[in-house]
Amino acid sequence: VNNMIYFGVFNGELVAINTNTKQEQWRFRTDEAKEDKMKVLNGDGTFNGQKVFADFNSEKMPEIMEMLFSVGAILSTPTPYENTLIFGTANGYIYSIY
């Protein structure tokens, strides 16, 4: 949309990239990512995959999902509507930003 690509990230951020310049235009962080109650993000806000996926096995899946939910991981594709982007987060919230 308007030469932009939008995508969500495990760390609860929505990113906008300009397709002409290949440069990041902006980032939006969910409120849950800002709080980071389970401390699954690094100090710079990036996703701490080593903590979340350490010793991965199927028995840990509920714990891993809880961690992803806790920061509002954006796993869905953002949908543009007029001048608004609508997207959902892993913890069930729907955001509408413009």
Protein backbone atom coordinates (compact mmCIF):
# COMPACT_ATOMS: atom_id res chain seq x y z
CA VAL A 1 0.00 0.00 0.00
CA ASN A 2 1.51 3.34 -1.06
CA ASN A 3 4.92 1.72 -1.63
CA MET A 4 4.98 0.34 1.90
CA ILE A 5 5.31 -3.17 3.32
CA TYR A 6 3.94 -3.81 6.80
CA PHE A 7 4.77 -6.81 8.93
CA GLY A 8 4.48 -7.93 12.51
CA VAL A 9 7.24 -9.27 14.73
CA PHE A 10 7.41 -11.69 17.67
CA ASN A 11 8.47 -8.80 19.93
CA GLY A 12 5.09 -7.08 19.59
CA GLU A 13 6.11 -4.52 16.98
CA LEU A 14 4.57 -3.62 13.65
CA VAL A 15 7.18 -2.41 11.14
CA ALA A 16 6.72 -0.31 8.00
CA ILE A 17 9.31 -0.50 5.20
CA ASN A 18 9.35 1.79 2.17
CA THR A 19 9.65 -0.42 -0.92
CA ASN A 20 11.36 2.32 -2.95
CA THR A 21 14.09 3.20 -0.47
CA LYS A 22 14.18 -0.16 1.38
CA GLN A 23 14.32 1.90 4.57
CA GLU A 24 12.30 1.43 7.74
CA GLN A 25 9.75 4.24 8.03
CA TRP A 26 8.36 3.54 11.49
CA ARG A 27 7.67 0.98 14.22
CA PHE A 28 4.67 0.58 16.47
CA ARG A 29 4.98 -1.28 19.79
CA THR A 30 2.02 -2.86 21.53
CA ASP A 31 1.34 -1.83 25.11
CA GLU A 32 2.19 -5.38 26.21
CA ALA A 33 5.59 -5.14 24.51
CA LYS A 34 6.27 -1.88 26.33
CA GLU A 35 5.46 -3.56 29.66
CA ASP A 36 7.27 -6.87 28.90
CA LYS A 37 5.95 -8.48 32.10
CA MET A 38 7.66 -11.84 31.48
CA LYS A 39 10.95 -10.19 30.42
CA VAL A 40 11.14 -11.94 27.04
CA LEU A 41 12.62 -8.90 25.29
CA ASN A 42 16.21 -7.71 25.36
CA GLY A 43 17.00 -4.22 26.65
CA ASP A 44 16.74 -2.79 23.13
CA GLY A 45 13.27 -4.30 22.62
CA THR A 46 14.36 -7.15 20.37
CA PHE A 47 12.94 -10.62 20.92
CA ASN A 48 15.05 -12.83 23.20
CA GLY A 49 14.73 -16.09 21.27
CA GLN A 50 17.39 -17.78 23.40
CA LYS A 51 15.26 -17.32 26.51
CA VAL A 52 11.97 -18.24 24.89
CA PHE A 53 13.15 -21.23 22.85
CA ALA A 54 15.87 -22.54 25.19
CA ASP A 55 15.71 -26.32 25.47
CA PHE A 56 12.72 -26.38 23.14
CA ASN A 57 10.48 -29.42 23.29
CA SER A 58 6.76 -30.00 22.80
CA GLU A 59 6.11 -30.03 26.54
CA LYS A 60 7.27 -26.42 26.74
CA MET A 61 4.88 -25.21 24.04
CA PRO A 62 2.26 -23.83 26.50
CA GLU A 63 4.98 -21.83 28.30
CA ILE A 64 6.38 -20.55 24.99
CA MET A 65 2.92 -19.49 23.81
CA GLU A 66 2.34 -17.68 27.11
CA MET A 67 5.59 -15.75 26.56
CA LEU A 68 4.55 -14.80 23.01
CA PHE A 69 1.12 -13.74 24.27
CA SER A 70 2.68 -11.65 27.04
CA VAL A 71 4.30 -9.17 24.61
CA GLY A 72 1.45 -9.12 22.12
CA ALA A 73 3.39 -10.86 19.37
CA ILE A 74 2.03 -9.81 15.96
CA LEU A 75 1.67 -13.00 13.96
CA SER A 76 -1.13 -11.87 11.66
CA THR A 77 -0.88 -9.93 8.41
CA PRO A 78 -1.83 -6.27 8.87
CA THR A 79 -4.83 -5.26 6.79
CA PRO A 80 -4.94 -1.77 5.29
CA TYR A 81 -8.32 -0.04 5.21
CA GLU A 82 -8.41 3.52 3.89
CA ASN A 83 -5.77 5.34 6.00
CA THR A 84 -5.77 2.73 8.77
CA LEU A 85 -3.89 -0.51 9.46
CA ILE A 86 -5.78 -3.17 11.37
CA PHE A 87 -4.02 -6.15 12.94
CA GLY A 88 -4.40 -8.64 15.74
CA THR A 89 -1.95 -9.81 18.37
CA ALA A 90 -1.29 -13.26 19.79
CA ASN A 91 -3.03 -12.32 23.04
CA GLY A 92 -6.31 -11.51 21.30
CA TYR A 93 -6.19 -7.73 21.01
CA ILE A 94 -7.06 -5.92 17.80
CA TYR A 95 -5.25 -2.71 16.97
CA SER A 96 -6.23 -0.01 14.53
CA ILE A 97 -3.53 2.57 13.80
CA TYR A 98 -3.46 5.45 11.36
